[in-house]
Amino acid sequence: MVQLSVRLTAGAGRVHDLIEALHGLMRHSRRLRGCTDAHIAADVDEANAYWYWEDWESDEALEAELKTDRFSQLLALMETSAHPPVLEFRMITELRGLEYVSAVREQLPVSITNKES
């Protein structure tokens, strides 16, 4: 799995516009083949700052998306950020859940298996 994350800051009086633009991108992303999820969150440490995430099932799916007009819209939105935007790509090779917590708390051997997307 690959996760794209972007942090943007709305300028004065532009919060509504930023959120609407991110919602539009999110709704579109969720319908795309290869995108498993997309969401928006307010940054609690800075007023008017928002995080946008997309989860992609593979590098190839994300790389195809990076060449589209929709991604160009995200790049254009990044240019409107009142503070320098943050863009990150996280390559996630393993996900663990409550069974991991249980194993650690009970001091059981934890199997480490890489589950590549």
Protein backbone atom coordinates (compact mmCIF):
# COMPACT_ATOMS: atom_id res chain seq x y z
CA MET A 1 0.00 0.00 0.00
CA VAL A 2 1.12 3.55 -0.69
CA GLN A 3 -0.26 6.55 1.17
CA LEU A 4 -0.16 10.05 -0.24
CA SER A 5 -0.53 12.82 2.33
CA VAL A 6 -0.70 16.57 1.85
CA ARG A 7 -0.85 19.31 4.46
CA LEU A 8 -2.27 22.64 3.30
CA THR A 9 -3.01 25.90 5.06
CA ALA A 10 -5.88 28.11 3.97
CA GLY A 11 -5.29 31.83 3.71
CA ALA A 12 -7.46 34.31 5.60
CA GLY A 13 -11.10 33.85 4.64
CA ARG A 14 -10.31 30.88 2.38
CA VAL A 15 -11.02 27.90 4.70
CA HIS A 16 -14.36 27.10 3.09
CA ASP A 17 -12.82 27.17 -0.41
CA LEU A 18 -9.99 24.85 0.62
CA ILE A 19 -12.30 22.37 2.30
CA GLU A 20 -14.66 22.35 -0.71
CA ALA A 21 -11.77 21.74 -3.10
CA LEU A 22 -10.42 18.91 -0.93
CA HIS A 23 -13.89 17.34 -0.67
CA GLY A 24 -14.18 17.39 -4.45
CA LEU A 25 -10.81 15.66 -4.82
CA MET A 26 -11.69 13.16 -2.11
CA ARG A 27 -15.04 12.21 -3.65
CA HIS A 28 -13.41 11.69 -7.03
CA SER A 29 -10.49 9.71 -5.55
CA ARG A 30 -12.74 7.28 -3.75
CA ARG A 31 -14.24 6.24 -7.11
CA LEU A 32 -10.89 5.60 -8.77
CA ARG A 33 -9.61 2.12 -9.41
CA GLY A 34 -6.67 1.44 -7.10
CA CYS A 35 -7.61 4.07 -4.50
CA THR A 36 -8.75 2.26 -1.38
CA ASP A 37 -9.57 5.33 0.73
CA ALA A 38 -9.31 9.10 0.91
CA HIS A 39 -10.00 11.46 3.79
CA ILE A 40 -9.52 14.96 5.19
CA ALA A 41 -8.66 16.05 8.73
CA ALA A 42 -8.13 19.38 10.44
CA ASP A 43 -4.68 19.91 11.93
CA VAL A 44 -5.34 20.54 15.61
CA ASP A 45 -1.99 22.28 16.07
CA GLU A 46 -2.54 25.04 13.52
CA ALA A 47 -5.67 26.97 12.67
CA ASN A 48 -6.72 26.77 9.01
CA ALA A 49 -4.39 23.80 8.31
CA TYR A 50 -5.76 20.56 6.88
CA TRP A 51 -4.40 17.12 6.02
CA TYR A 52 -5.56 15.21 2.96
CA TRP A 53 -4.76 11.48 2.55
CA GLU A 54 -5.22 8.94 -0.19
CA ASP A 55 -4.45 5.23 0.21
CA TRP A 56 -3.46 3.36 -2.94
CA GLU A 57 -3.29 -0.41 -3.35
CA SER A 58 0.02 -0.30 -5.26
CA ASP A 59 2.86 1.91 -6.45
CA GLU A 60 1.66 1.39 -10.02
CA ALA A 61 -1.86 2.60 -9.26
CA LEU A 62 -0.55 5.76 -7.59
CA GLU A 63 2.04 6.38 -10.30
CA ALA A 64 -0.68 6.25 -12.96
CA GLU A 65 -2.71 8.76 -10.92
CA LEU A 66 0.25 11.15 -10.60
CA LYS A 67 0.05 11.70 -14.38
CA THR A 68 -3.63 12.71 -14.44
CA ASP A 69 -5.44 16.04 -14.59
CA ARG A 70 -6.98 15.28 -11.19
CA PHE A 71 -3.54 15.16 -9.61
CA SER A 72 -2.67 18.40 -11.44
CA GLN A 73 -5.64 19.93 -9.59
CA LEU A 74 -4.11 18.84 -6.28
CA LEU A 75 -0.76 20.37 -7.28
CA ALA A 76 -2.54 23.62 -8.18
CA LEU A 77 -4.31 23.58 -4.83
CA MET A 78 -0.96 23.13 -3.10
CA GLU A 79 0.22 26.36 -4.73
CA THR A 80 -2.57 28.25 -2.95
CA SER A 81 -1.41 27.17 0.51
CA ALA A 82 -0.72 30.12 2.82
CA HIS A 83 2.30 28.24 4.24
CA PRO A 84 4.60 25.85 2.39
CA PRO A 85 2.61 22.66 1.82
CA VAL A 86 3.84 19.25 2.94
CA LEU A 87 3.63 16.37 0.44
CA GLU A 88 4.62 12.87 1.52
CA PHE A 89 4.40 9.38 0.08
CA ARG A 90 4.50 6.52 2.60
CA MET A 91 5.31 3.03 1.36
CA ILE A 92 3.49 0.72 3.77
CA THR A 93 4.55 -2.90 3.66
CA GLU A 94 2.78 -4.20 6.74
CA LEU A 95 -0.34 -3.49 8.76
CA ARG A 96 -0.94 -4.83 12.26
CA GLY A 97 -4.00 -4.69 14.49
CA LEU A 98 -5.05 -5.55 18.01
CA GLU A 99 -3.42 -8.97 17.77
CA TYR A 100 -0.06 -7.16 17.73
CA VAL A 101 -0.93 -5.26 20.93
CA SER A 102 -2.03 -8.50 22.58
CA ALA A 103 1.15 -10.32 21.58
CA VAL A 104 3.37 -7.52 22.87
CA ARG A 105 1.47 -7.11 26.13
CA GLU A 106 1.48 -10.86 26.74
CA GLN A 107 5.15 -11.06 25.70
CA LEU A 108 4.39 -13.58 22.98
CA PRO A 109 6.66 -13.89 19.96
CA VAL A 110 5.55 -11.43 17.32
CA SER A 111 5.82 -12.71 13.79
CA ILE A 112 7.01 -10.11 11.37
CA THR A 113 5.70 -10.77 7.93
CA ASN A 114 5.87 -8.22 5.20
CA LYS A 115 2.61 -8.11 3.30
CA GLU A 116 3.41 -6.09 0.23
CA SER A 117 0.55 -4.45 -1.55
